[in-house]
Amino acid sequence: MSTAPRYLAPRSQRASVPSPMPVADALRAHEGLNQLGARLEASRRRLRVIAPALPGTLLASLQPGPIDEDGWSLLAANAAVAAKLRHLLPRLEGLLAQAGLPGRIRLKLMQK
């Protein structure tokens, strides 16, 4: 006889787990997430528009921030980067306006 010893619990069937949904599909399927994805892409687009006007390696010290009805937040790695960007704000806002993306740019420091 080849039966399992009594002290072992009988094998149970595992619950089936649905296959994972790709993130892009989840964003499209949910209205709120879809809007969030669109805002993230709009923020990245603004950074791509101003990137050619940024001197040296300044772009590496920036991240696109949130967009709202008042404007766009640009996140700087430190205070020195933010100070340099303050001098460039009129030019950067002009580039955004030329690209059809008018609005004010707010500078914020990244949280560590």
PDB file of N, CA and C in Angstrom:
ATOM      1  N   MET A   1       0.829  -1.180   0.000  1.00  0.00           N
ATOM      2  CA  MET A   1       0.000   0.000   0.000  1.00  0.00           C
ATOM      3  C   MET A   1       0.870   1.237   0.000  1.00  0.00           C
ATOM      4  N   SER A   2       0.529   2.124  -0.839  1.00  0.00           N
ATOM      5  CA  SER A   2       1.322   3.358  -0.901  1.00  0.00           C
ATOM      6  C   SER A   2       0.421   4.546  -0.603  1.00  0.00           C
ATOM      7  N   THR A   3      -0.142   4.564   0.558  1.00  0.00           N
ATOM      8  CA  THR A   3      -0.970   5.697   0.969  1.00  0.00           C
ATOM      9  C   THR A   3      -0.137   6.618   1.835  1.00  0.00           C
ATOM     10  N   ALA A   4      -0.547   7.879   1.886  1.00  0.00           N
ATOM     11  CA  ALA A   4       0.175   8.872   2.686  1.00  0.00           C
ATOM     12  C   ALA A   4      -0.029   8.581   4.155  1.00  0.00           C
ATOM     13  N   PRO A   5       0.968   8.829   4.957  1.00  0.00           N
ATOM     14  CA  PRO A   5       0.809   8.609   6.399  1.00  0.00           C
ATOM     15  C   PRO A   5      -0.317   9.479   6.941  1.00  0.00           C
ATOM     16  N   ARG A   6      -0.924   9.020   8.001  1.00  0.00           N
ATOM     17  CA  ARG A   6      -2.074   9.717   8.563  1.00  0.00           C
ATOM     18  C   ARG A   6      -1.730  11.082   9.141  1.00  0.00           C
ATOM     19  N   TYR A   7      -0.518  11.288   9.573  1.00  0.00           N
ATOM     20  CA  TYR A   7      -0.178  12.561  10.190  1.00  0.00           C
ATOM     21  C   TYR A   7      -0.017  13.688   9.182  1.00  0.00           C
ATOM     22  N   LEU A   8       0.008  13.386   7.892  1.00  0.00           N
ATOM     23  CA  LEU A   8       0.066  14.435   6.872  1.00  0.00           C
ATOM     24  C   LEU A   8      -1.348  14.822   6.466  1.00  0.00           C
ATOM     25  N   ALA A   9      -1.574  16.109   6.371  1.00  0.00           N
ATOM     26  CA  ALA A   9      -2.893  16.588   5.957  1.00  0.00           C
ATOM     27  C   ALA A   9      -3.102  16.259   4.488  1.00  0.00           C
ATOM     28  N   PRO A  10      -4.333  15.982   4.130  1.00  0.00           N
ATOM     29  CA  PRO A  10      -4.592  15.689   2.721  1.00  0.00           C
ATOM     30  C   PRO A  10      -4.259  16.913   1.862  1.00  0.00           C
ATOM     31  N   ARG A  11      -3.773  16.641   0.680  1.00  0.00           N
ATOM     32  CA  ARG A  11      -3.443  17.731  -0.229  1.00  0.00           C
ATOM     33  C   ARG A  11      -4.716  18.440  -0.668  1.00  0.00           C
ATOM     34  N   SER A  12      -4.634  19.754  -0.628  1.00  0.00           N
ATOM     35  CA  SER A  12      -5.807  20.514  -1.059  1.00  0.00           C
ATOM     36  C   SER A  12      -5.494  21.189  -2.392  1.00  0.00           C
ATOM     37  N   GLN A  13      -6.520  21.506  -3.086  1.00  0.00           N
ATOM     38  CA  GLN A  13      -6.371  22.192  -4.363  1.00  0.00           C
ATOM     39  C   GLN A  13      -6.020  23.656  -4.099  1.00  0.00           C
ATOM     40  N   ARG A  14      -5.074  24.175  -4.845  1.00  0.00           N
ATOM     41  CA  ARG A  14      -4.724  25.590  -4.713  1.00  0.00           C
ATOM     42  C   ARG A  14      -5.765  26.440  -5.424  1.00  0.00           C
ATOM     43  N   ALA A  15      -6.039  27.585  -4.825  1.00  0.00           N
ATOM     44  CA  ALA A  15      -6.966  28.511  -5.466  1.00  0.00           C
ATOM     45  C   ALA A  15      -6.304  29.053  -6.728  1.00  0.00           C
ATOM     46  N   SER A  16      -7.083  29.185  -7.750  1.00  0.00           N
ATOM     47  CA  SER A  16      -6.508  29.703  -8.994  1.00  0.00           C
ATOM     48  C   SER A  16      -6.307  31.215  -8.873  1.00  0.00           C
ATOM     49  N   VAL A  17      -5.182  31.665  -9.324  1.00  0.00           N
ATOM     50  CA  VAL A  17      -4.829  33.081  -9.273  1.00  0.00           C
ATOM     51  C   VAL A  17      -4.951  33.635 -10.685  1.00  0.00           C
ATOM     52  N   PRO A  18      -5.673  34.748 -10.843  1.00  0.00           N
ATOM     53  CA  PRO A  18      -5.797  35.294 -12.193  1.00  0.00           C
ATOM     54  C   PRO A  18      -4.443  35.783 -12.690  1.00  0.00           C
ATOM     55  N   SER A  19      -4.273  35.732 -13.985  1.00  0.00           N
ATOM     56  CA  SER A  19      -3.005  36.188 -14.539  1.00  0.00           C
ATOM     57  C   SER A  19      -2.881  37.699 -14.352  1.00  0.00           C
ATOM     58  N   PRO A  20      -1.664  38.182 -14.146  1.00  0.00           N
ATOM     59  CA  PRO A  20      -1.476  39.618 -13.900  1.00  0.00           C
ATOM     60  C   PRO A  20      -1.822  40.448 -15.137  1.00  0.00           C
ATOM     61  N   MET A  21      -2.313  41.647 -14.883  1.00  0.00           N
ATOM     62  CA  MET A  21      -2.685  42.553 -15.966  1.00  0.00           C
ATOM     63  C   MET A  21      -1.531  43.536 -16.185  1.00  0.00           C
ATOM     64  N   PRO A  22      -1.110  43.742 -17.424  1.00  0.00           N
ATOM     65  CA  PRO A  22      -0.070  44.742 -17.676  1.00  0.00           C
ATOM     66  C   PRO A  22      -0.503  46.124 -17.172  1.00  0.00           C
ATOM     67  N   VAL A  23       0.460  46.906 -16.696  1.00  0.00           N
ATOM     68  CA  VAL A  23       0.163  48.207 -16.118  1.00  0.00           C
ATOM     69  C   VAL A  23      -0.555  49.107 -17.127  1.00  0.00           C
ATOM     70  N   ALA A  24      -0.126  49.089 -18.360  1.00  0.00           N
ATOM     71  CA  ALA A  24      -0.761  49.933 -19.388  1.00  0.00           C
ATOM     72  C   ALA A  24      -2.239  49.584 -19.535  1.00  0.00           C
ATOM     73  N   ASP A  25      -2.575  48.289 -19.483  1.00  0.00           N
ATOM     74  CA  ASP A  25      -3.984  47.878 -19.583  1.00  0.00           C
ATOM     75  C   ASP A  25      -4.769  48.328 -18.353  1.00  0.00           C
ATOM     76  N   ALA A  26      -4.154  48.241 -17.180  1.00  0.00           N
ATOM     77  CA  ALA A  26      -4.825  48.685 -15.956  1.00  0.00           C
ATOM     78  C   ALA A  26      -5.094  50.187 -16.002  1.00  0.00           C
ATOM     79  N   LEU A  27      -4.134  50.955 -16.506  1.00  0.00           N
ATOM     80  CA  LEU A  27      -4.326  52.404 -16.617  1.00  0.00           C
ATOM     81  C   LEU A  27      -5.483  52.735 -17.547  1.00  0.00           C
ATOM     82  N   ARG A  28      -5.565  52.008 -18.660  1.00  0.00           N
ATOM     83  CA  ARG A  28      -6.650  52.271 -19.619  1.00  0.00           C
ATOM     84  C   ARG A  28      -8.008  51.831 -19.079  1.00  0.00           C
ATOM     85  N   ALA A  29      -8.032  50.785 -18.268  1.00  0.00           N
ATOM     86  CA  ALA A  29      -9.290  50.223 -17.798  1.00  0.00           C
ATOM     87  C   ALA A  29      -9.947  51.059 -16.697  1.00  0.00           C
ATOM     88  N   HIS A  30      -9.183  51.809 -15.951  1.00  0.00           N
ATOM     89  CA  HIS A  30      -9.709  52.572 -14.821  1.00  0.00           C
ATOM     90  C   HIS A  30      -9.657  54.054 -15.163  1.00  0.00           C
ATOM     91  N   GLU A  31     -10.791  54.735 -15.063  1.00  0.00           N
ATOM     92  CA  GLU A  31     -10.869  56.143 -15.468  1.00  0.00           C
ATOM     93  C   GLU A  31      -9.897  57.035 -14.687  1.00  0.00           C
ATOM     94  N   GLY A  32      -9.849  56.870 -13.378  1.00  0.00           N
ATOM     95  CA  GLY A  32      -8.955  57.684 -12.557  1.00  0.00           C
ATOM     96  C   GLY A  32      -7.490  57.437 -12.890  1.00  0.00           C
ATOM     97  N   LEU A  33      -7.140  56.159 -13.060  1.00  0.00           N
ATOM     98  CA  LEU A  33      -5.763  55.832 -13.423  1.00  0.00           C
ATOM     99  C   LEU A  33      -5.441  56.305 -14.832  1.00  0.00           C
ATOM    100  N   ASN A  34      -6.426  56.258 -15.716  1.00  0.00           N
ATOM    101  CA  ASN A  34      -6.239  56.739 -17.078  1.00  0.00           C
ATOM    102  C   ASN A  34      -5.918  58.236 -17.077  1.00  0.00           C
ATOM    103  N   GLN A  35      -6.642  58.998 -16.264  1.00  0.00           N
ATOM    104  CA  GLN A  35      -6.381  60.437 -16.155  1.00  0.00           C
ATOM    105  C   GLN A  35      -5.009  60.687 -15.541  1.00  0.00           C
ATOM    106  N   LEU A  36      -4.627  59.906 -14.551  1.00  0.00           N
ATOM    107  CA  LEU A  36      -3.315  60.043 -13.938  1.00  0.00           C
ATOM    108  C   LEU A  36      -2.213  59.767 -14.958  1.00  0.00           C
ATOM    109  N   GLY A  37      -2.374  58.727 -15.744  1.00  0.00           N
ATOM    110  CA  GLY A  37      -1.403  58.405 -16.787  1.00  0.00           C
ATOM    111  C   GLY A  37      -1.268  59.527 -17.808  1.00  0.00           C
ATOM    112  N   ALA A  38      -2.385  60.142 -18.169  1.00  0.00           N
ATOM    113  CA  ALA A  38      -2.349  61.257 -19.122  1.00  0.00           C
ATOM    114  C   ALA A  38      -1.622  62.466 -18.525  1.00  0.00           C
ATOM    115  N   ARG A  39      -1.847  62.713 -17.243  1.00  0.00           N
ATOM    116  CA  ARG A  39      -1.162  63.844 -16.591  1.00  0.00           C
ATOM    117  C   ARG A  39       0.333  63.587 -16.468  1.00  0.00           C
ATOM    118  N   LEU A  40       0.713  62.349 -16.177  1.00  0.00           N
ATOM    119  CA  LEU A  40       2.130  62.008 -16.107  1.00  0.00           C
ATOM    120  C   LEU A  40       2.799  62.210 -17.465  1.00  0.00           C
ATOM    121  N   GLU A  41       2.143  61.780 -18.512  1.00  0.00           N
ATOM    122  CA  GLU A  41       2.710  61.949 -19.851  1.00  0.00           C
ATOM    123  C   GLU A  41       2.785  63.423 -20.228  1.00  0.00           C
ATOM    124  N   ALA A  42       1.787  64.213 -19.864  1.00  0.00           N
ATOM    125  CA  ALA A  42       1.822  65.656 -20.145  1.00  0.00           C
ATOM    126  C   ALA A  42       2.981  66.320 -19.414  1.00  0.00           C
ATOM    127  N   SER A  43       3.260  65.887 -18.197  1.00  0.00           N
ATOM    128  CA  SER A  43       4.370  66.439 -17.430  1.00  0.00           C
ATOM    129  C   SER A  43       5.700  66.072 -18.076  1.00  0.00           C
ATOM    130  N   ARG A  44       5.835  64.818 -18.498  1.00  0.00           N
ATOM    131  CA  ARG A  44       7.065  64.391 -19.179  1.00  0.00           C
ATOM    132  C   ARG A  44       7.252  65.148 -20.494  1.00  0.00           C
ATOM    133  N   ARG A  45       6.157  65.402 -21.189  1.00  0.00           N
ATOM    134  CA  ARG A  45       6.237  66.142 -22.462  1.00  0.00           C
ATOM    135  C   ARG A  45       6.774  67.549 -22.223  1.00  0.00           C
ATOM    136  N   ARG A  46       6.319  68.195 -21.173  1.00  0.00           N
ATOM    137  CA  ARG A  46       6.815  69.539 -20.861  1.00  0.00           C
ATOM    138  C   ARG A  46       8.312  69.522 -20.586  1.00  0.00           C
ATOM    139  N   LEU A  47       8.779  68.513 -19.895  1.00  0.00           N
ATOM    140  CA  LEU A  47      10.210  68.420 -19.630  1.00  0.00           C
ATOM    141  C   LEU A  47      10.995  68.213 -20.930  1.00  0.00           C
ATOM    142  N   ARG A  48      10.441  67.408 -21.853  1.00  0.00           N
ATOM    143  CA  ARG A  48      11.109  67.205 -23.142  1.00  0.00           C
ATOM    144  C   ARG A  48      11.172  68.505 -23.939  1.00  0.00           C
ATOM    145  N   VAL A  49      10.142  69.346 -23.824  1.00  0.00           N
ATOM    146  CA  VAL A  49      10.112  70.615 -24.559  1.00  0.00           C
ATOM    147  C   VAL A  49      11.200  71.555 -24.058  1.00  0.00           C
ATOM    148  N   ILE A  50      11.406  71.625 -22.751  1.00  0.00           N
ATOM    149  CA  ILE A  50      12.382  72.581 -22.215  1.00  0.00           C
ATOM    150  C   ILE A  50      13.801  72.020 -22.169  1.00  0.00           C
ATOM    151  N   ALA A  51      13.974  70.712 -22.331  1.00  0.00           N
ATOM    152  CA  ALA A  51      15.282  70.073 -22.187  1.00  0.00           C
ATOM    153  C   ALA A  51      16.373  70.714 -23.051  1.00  0.00           C
ATOM    154  N   PRO A  52      16.114  71.066 -24.310  1.00  0.00           N
ATOM    155  CA  PRO A  52      17.184  71.654 -25.119  1.00  0.00           C
ATOM    156  C   PRO A  52      17.688  73.001 -24.584  1.00  0.00           C
ATOM    157  N   ALA A  53      16.904  73.708 -23.797  1.00  0.00           N
ATOM    158  CA  ALA A  53      17.302  75.018 -23.271  1.00  0.00           C
ATOM    159  C   ALA A  53      18.062  74.922 -21.955  1.00  0.00           C
ATOM    160  N   LEU A  54      18.216  73.726 -21.421  1.00  0.00           N
ATOM    161  CA  LEU A  54      18.889  73.559 -20.137  1.00  0.00           C
ATOM    162  C   LEU A  54      20.390  73.394 -20.358  1.00  0.00           C
ATOM    163  N   PRO A  55      21.194  74.163 -19.642  1.00  0.00           N
ATOM    164  CA  PRO A  55      22.641  74.086 -19.831  1.00  0.00           C
ATOM    165  C   PRO A  55      23.248  72.836 -19.204  1.00  0.00           C
ATOM    166  N   GLY A  56      24.302  72.336 -19.848  1.00  0.00           N
ATOM    167  CA  GLY A  56      25.095  71.239 -19.294  1.00  0.00           C
ATOM    168  C   GLY A  56      24.281  70.032 -18.890  1.00  0.00           C
ATOM    169  N   THR A  57      24.574  69.542 -17.730  1.00  0.00           N
ATOM    170  CA  THR A  57      23.922  68.324 -17.224  1.00  0.00           C
ATOM    171  C   THR A  57      22.797  68.643 -16.244  1.00  0.00           C
ATOM    172  N   LEU A  58      22.229  69.825 -16.373  1.00  0.00           N
ATOM    173  CA  LEU A  58      21.164  70.238 -15.459  1.00  0.00           C
ATOM    174  C   LEU A  58      19.945  69.316 -15.548  1.00  0.00           C
ATOM    175  N   LEU A  59      19.686  68.793 -16.734  1.00  0.00           N
ATOM    176  CA  LEU A  59      18.534  67.913 -16.929  1.00  0.00           C
ATOM    177  C   LEU A  59      18.582  66.697 -16.002  1.00  0.00           C
ATOM    178  N   ALA A  60      19.777  66.190 -15.737  1.00  0.00           N
ATOM    179  CA  ALA A  60      19.916  65.012 -14.869  1.00  0.00           C
ATOM    180  C   ALA A  60      19.495  65.305 -13.432  1.00  0.00           C
ATOM    181  N   SER A  61      19.431  66.589 -13.062  1.00  0.00           N
ATOM    182  CA  SER A  61      19.057  66.983 -11.701  1.00  0.00           C
ATOM    183  C   SER A  61      17.600  67.389 -11.585  1.00  0.00           C
ATOM    184  N   LEU A  62      16.810  67.094 -12.614  1.00  0.00           N
ATOM    185  CA  LEU A  62      15.398  67.486 -12.634  1.00  0.00           C
ATOM    186  C   LEU A  62      14.497  66.290 -12.826  1.00  0.00           C
ATOM    187  N   GLN A  63      13.271  66.433 -12.317  1.00  0.00           N
ATOM    188  CA  GLN A  63      12.214  65.464 -12.582  1.00  0.00           C
ATOM    189  C   GLN A  63      10.934  66.236 -12.865  1.00  0.00           C
ATOM    190  N   PRO A  64      10.116  65.729 -13.780  1.00  0.00           N
ATOM    191  CA  PRO A  64       8.829  66.395 -14.016  1.00  0.00           C
ATOM    192  C   PRO A  64       7.919  66.189 -12.819  1.00  0.00           C
ATOM    193  N   GLY A  65       7.220  67.233 -12.439  1.00  0.00           N
ATOM    194  CA  GLY A  65       6.305  67.169 -11.304  1.00  0.00           C
ATOM    195  C   GLY A  65       4.862  67.232 -11.757  1.00  0.00           C
ATOM    196  N   PRO A  66       3.960  67.431 -10.819  1.00  0.00           N
ATOM    197  CA  PRO A  66       2.531  67.448 -11.145  1.00  0.00           C
ATOM    198  C   PRO A  66       2.111  68.687 -11.929  1.00  0.00           C
ATOM    199  N   ILE A  67       1.050  68.511 -12.692  1.00  0.00           N
ATOM    200  CA  ILE A  67       0.410  69.599 -13.428  1.00  0.00           C
ATOM    201  C   ILE A  67      -0.959  69.812 -12.807  1.00  0.00           C
ATOM    202  N   ASP A  68      -1.323  71.080 -12.609  1.00  0.00           N
ATOM    203  CA  ASP A  68      -2.666  71.399 -12.148  1.00  0.00           C
ATOM    204  C   ASP A  68      -3.137  72.642 -12.888  1.00  0.00           C
ATOM    205  N   GLU A  69      -4.262  73.188 -12.460  1.00  0.00           N
ATOM    206  CA  GLU A  69      -4.841  74.342 -13.155  1.00  0.00           C
ATOM    207  C   GLU A  69      -3.980  75.600 -13.039  1.00  0.00           C
ATOM    208  N   ASP A  70      -3.089  75.647 -12.047  1.00  0.00           N
ATOM    209  CA  ASP A  70      -2.233  76.821 -11.854  1.00  0.00           C
ATOM    210  C   ASP A  70      -0.910  76.734 -12.600  1.00  0.00           C
ATOM    211  N   GLY A  71      -0.502  75.562 -13.025  1.00  0.00           N
ATOM    212  CA  GLY A  71       0.753  75.425 -13.740  1.00  0.00           C
ATOM    213  C   GLY A  71       1.375  74.060 -13.549  1.00  0.00           C
ATOM    214  N   TRP A  72       2.684  74.051 -13.734  1.00  0.00           N
ATOM    215  CA  TRP A  72       3.454  72.811 -13.717  1.00  0.00           C
ATOM    216  C   TRP A  72       4.562  72.926 -12.685  1.00  0.00           C
ATOM    217  N   SER A  73       4.790  71.879 -11.928  1.00  0.00           N
ATOM    218  CA  SER A  73       5.876  71.854 -10.955  1.00  0.00           C
ATOM    219  C   SER A  73       7.059  71.109 -11.548  1.00  0.00           C
ATOM    220  N   LEU A  74       8.212  71.723 -11.441  1.00  0.00           N
ATOM    221  CA  LEU A  74       9.457  71.114 -11.879  1.00  0.00           C
ATOM    222  C   LEU A  74      10.262  70.833 -10.613  1.00  0.00           C
ATOM    223  N   LEU A  75      10.684  69.588 -10.432  1.00  0.00           N
ATOM    224  CA  LEU A  75      11.346  69.169  -9.206  1.00  0.00           C
ATOM    225  C   LEU A  75      12.859  69.202  -9.386  1.00  0.00           C
ATOM    226  N   ALA A  76      13.525  69.991  -8.545  1.00  0.00           N
ATOM    227  CA  ALA A  76      14.975  70.136  -8.601  1.00  0.00           C
ATOM    228  C   ALA A  76      15.625  69.307  -7.503  1.00  0.00           C
ATOM    229  N   ALA A  77      16.800  68.744  -7.810  1.00  0.00           N
ATOM    230  CA  ALA A  77      17.499  67.877  -6.864  1.00  0.00           C
ATOM    231  C   ALA A  77      18.009  68.629  -5.648  1.00  0.00           C
ATOM    232  N   ASN A  78      18.359  69.916  -5.818  1.00  0.00           N
ATOM    233  CA  ASN A  78      18.887  70.677  -4.686  1.00  0.00           C
ATOM    234  C   ASN A  78      18.663  72.171  -4.918  1.00  0.00           C
ATOM    235  N   ALA A  79      19.008  72.967  -3.918  1.00  0.00           N
ATOM    236  CA  ALA A  79      18.761  74.413  -3.977  1.00  0.00           C
ATOM    237  C   ALA A  79      19.587  75.100  -5.058  1.00  0.00           C
ATOM    238  N   ALA A  80      20.795  74.616  -5.327  1.00  0.00           N
ATOM    239  CA  ALA A  80      21.630  75.224  -6.358  1.00  0.00           C
ATOM    240  C   ALA A  80      20.999  75.061  -7.741  1.00  0.00           C
ATOM    241  N   VAL A  81      20.448  73.898  -8.007  1.00  0.00           N
ATOM    242  CA  VAL A  81      19.762  73.661  -9.280  1.00  0.00           C
ATOM    243  C   VAL A  81      18.535  74.557  -9.381  1.00  0.00           C
ATOM    244  N   ALA A  82      17.782  74.671  -8.315  1.00  0.00           N
ATOM    245  CA  ALA A  82      16.589  75.524  -8.315  1.00  0.00           C
ATOM    246  C   ALA A  82      16.969  76.987  -8.547  1.00  0.00           C
ATOM    247  N   ALA A  83      18.068  77.454  -7.951  1.00  0.00           N
ATOM    248  CA  ALA A  83      18.505  78.839  -8.142  1.00  0.00           C
ATOM    249  C   ALA A  83      18.867  79.101  -9.602  1.00  0.00           C
ATOM    250  N   LYS A  84      19.557  78.155 -10.232  1.00  0.00           N
ATOM    251  CA  LYS A  84      19.911  78.305 -11.651  1.00  0.00           C
ATOM    252  C   LYS A  84      18.649  78.336 -12.504  1.00  0.00           C
ATOM    253  N   LEU A  85      17.685  77.498 -12.182  1.00  0.00           N
ATOM    254  CA  LEU A  85      16.447  77.442 -12.961  1.00  0.00           C
ATOM    255  C   LEU A  85      15.625  78.728 -12.834  1.00  0.00           C
ATOM    256  N   ARG A  86      15.686  79.371 -11.681  1.00  0.00           N
ATOM    257  CA  ARG A  86      14.937  80.622 -11.512  1.00  0.00           C
ATOM    258  C   ARG A  86      15.354  81.655 -12.554  1.00  0.00           C
ATOM    259  N   HIS A  87      16.643  81.664 -12.896  1.00  0.00           N
ATOM    260  CA  HIS A  87      17.129  82.592 -13.910  1.00  0.00           C
ATOM    261  C   HIS A  87      16.626  82.226 -15.308  1.00  0.00           C
ATOM    262  N   LEU A  88      16.331  80.954 -15.525  1.00  0.00           N
ATOM    263  CA  LEU A  88      15.899  80.475 -16.836  1.00  0.00           C
ATOM    264  C   LEU A  88      14.380  80.434 -16.999  1.00  0.00           C
ATOM    265  N   LEU A  89      13.633  80.700 -15.940  1.00  0.00           N
ATOM    266  CA  LEU A  89      12.172  80.537 -15.997  1.00  0.00           C
ATOM    267  C   LEU A  89      11.500  81.284 -17.141  1.00  0.00           C
ATOM    268  N   PRO A  90      11.811  82.569 -17.381  1.00  0.00           N
ATOM    269  CA  PRO A  90      11.122  83.250 -18.497  1.00  0.00           C
ATOM    270  C   PRO A  90      11.346  82.552 -19.840  1.00  0.00           C
ATOM    271  N   ARG A  91      12.575  82.106 -20.065  1.00  0.00           N
ATOM    272  CA  ARG A  91      12.873  81.414 -21.327  1.00  0.00           C
ATOM    273  C   ARG A  91      12.143  80.078 -21.401  1.00  0.00           C
ATOM    274  N   LEU A  92      12.142  79.326 -20.300  1.00  0.00           N
ATOM    275  CA  LEU A  92      11.488  78.019 -20.284  1.00  0.00           C
ATOM    276  C   LEU A  92       9.978  78.147 -20.468  1.00  0.00           C
ATOM    277  N   GLU A  93       9.372  79.131 -19.802  1.00  0.00           N
ATOM    278  CA  GLU A  93       7.925  79.349 -19.963  1.00  0.00           C
ATOM    279  C   GLU A  93       7.605  79.784 -21.390  1.00  0.00           C
ATOM    280  N   GLY A  94       8.505  80.544 -22.012  1.00  0.00           N
ATOM    281  CA  GLY A  94       8.321  80.929 -23.411  1.00  0.00           C
ATOM    282  C   GLY A  94       8.353  79.723 -24.343  1.00  0.00           C
ATOM    283  N   LEU A  95       9.257  78.793 -24.082  1.00  0.00           N
ATOM    284  CA  LEU A  95       9.325  77.568 -24.895  1.00  0.00           C
ATOM    285  C   LEU A  95       8.043  76.748 -24.768  1.00  0.00           C
ATOM    286  N   LEU A  96       7.529  76.672 -23.565  1.00  0.00           N
ATOM    287  CA  LEU A  96       6.273  75.933 -23.361  1.00  0.00           C
ATOM    288  C   LEU A  96       5.124  76.613 -24.092  1.00  0.00           C
ATOM    289  N   ALA A  97       5.082  77.942 -24.043  1.00  0.00           N
ATOM    290  CA  ALA A  97       4.015  78.675 -24.732  1.00  0.00           C
ATOM    291  C   ALA A  97       4.110  78.459 -26.236  1.00  0.00           C
ATOM    292  N   GLN A  98       5.324  78.443 -26.791  1.00  0.00           N
ATOM    293  CA  GLN A  98       5.504  78.195 -28.228  1.00  0.00           C
ATOM    294  C   GLN A  98       5.038  76.797 -28.608  1.00  0.00           C
ATOM    295  N   ALA A  99       5.171  75.860 -27.704  1.00  0.00           N
ATOM    296  CA  ALA A  99       4.741  74.479 -27.963  1.00  0.00           C
ATOM    297  C   ALA A  99       3.257  74.281 -27.691  1.00  0.00           C
ATOM    298  N   GLY A 100       2.553  75.353 -27.332  1.00  0.00           N
ATOM    299  CA  GLY A 100       1.121  75.236 -27.057  1.00  0.00           C
ATOM    300  C   GLY A 100       0.829  74.726 -25.656  1.00  0.00           C
ATOM    301  N   LEU A 101       1.772  74.878 -24.753  1.00  0.00           N
ATOM    302  CA  LEU A 101       1.615  74.411 -23.372  1.00  0.00           C
ATOM    303  C   LEU A 101       1.820  75.573 -22.411  1.00  0.00           C
ATOM    304  N   PRO A 102       0.986  76.598 -22.501  1.00  0.00           N
ATOM    305  CA  PRO A 102       1.218  77.760 -21.642  1.00  0.00           C
ATOM    306  C   PRO A 102       0.965  77.434 -20.179  1.00  0.00           C
ATOM    307  N   GLY A 103       1.542  78.248 -19.335  1.00  0.00           N
ATOM    308  CA  GLY A 103       1.348  78.068 -17.899  1.00  0.00           C
ATOM    309  C   GLY A 103       2.599  78.450 -17.157  1.00  0.00           C
ATOM    310  N   ARG A 104       2.437  78.591 -15.882  1.00  0.00           N
ATOM    311  CA  ARG A 104       3.518  78.989 -14.996  1.00  0.00           C
ATOM    312  C   ARG A 104       4.291  77.740 -14.551  1.00  0.00           C
ATOM    313  N   ILE A 105       5.611  77.891 -14.408  1.00  0.00           N
ATOM    314  CA  ILE A 105       6.441  76.814 -13.873  1.00  0.00           C
ATOM    315  C   ILE A 105       6.758  77.133 -12.416  1.00  0.00           C
ATOM    316  N   ARG A 106       6.462  76.167 -11.557  1.00  0.00           N
ATOM    317  CA  ARG A 106       6.823  76.274 -10.137  1.00  0.00           C
ATOM    318  C   ARG A 106       8.028  75.395  -9.884  1.00  0.00           C
ATOM    319  N   LEU A 107       9.000  75.889  -9.155  1.00  0.00           N
ATOM    320  CA  LEU A 107      10.169  75.088  -8.808  1.00  0.00           C
ATOM    321  C   LEU A 107       9.998  74.559  -7.386  1.00  0.00           C
ATOM    322  N   LYS A 108      10.263  73.278  -7.230  1.00  0.00           N
ATOM    323  CA  LYS A 108      10.187  72.647  -5.905  1.00  0.00           C
ATOM    324  C   LYS A 108      11.395  71.753  -5.736  1.00  0.00           C
ATOM    325  N   LEU A 109      11.826  71.594  -4.511  1.00  0.00           N
ATOM    326  CA  LEU A 109      12.929  70.681  -4.218  1.00  0.00           C
ATOM    327  C   LEU A 109      12.395  69.268  -4.029  1.00  0.00           C
ATOM    328  N   MET A 110      13.158  68.282  -4.537  1.00  0.00           N
ATOM    329  CA  MET A 110      12.771  66.888  -4.371  1.00  0.00           C
ATOM    330  C   MET A 110      12.898  66.505  -2.909  1.00  0.00           C
ATOM    331  N   GLN A 111      11.979  65.714  -2.421  1.00  0.00           N
ATOM    332  CA  GLN A 111      12.032  65.204  -1.053  1.00  0.00           C
ATOM    333  C   GLN A 111      13.015  64.045  -1.003  1.00  0.00           C
ATOM    334  N   LYS A 112      13.825  64.001   0.035  1.00  0.00           N
ATOM    335  CA  LYS A 112      14.803  62.899   0.164  1.00  0.00           C
ATOM    336  C   LYS A 112      14.331  61.878   1.154  1.00  0.00           C
TER     337      LYS A 112
END
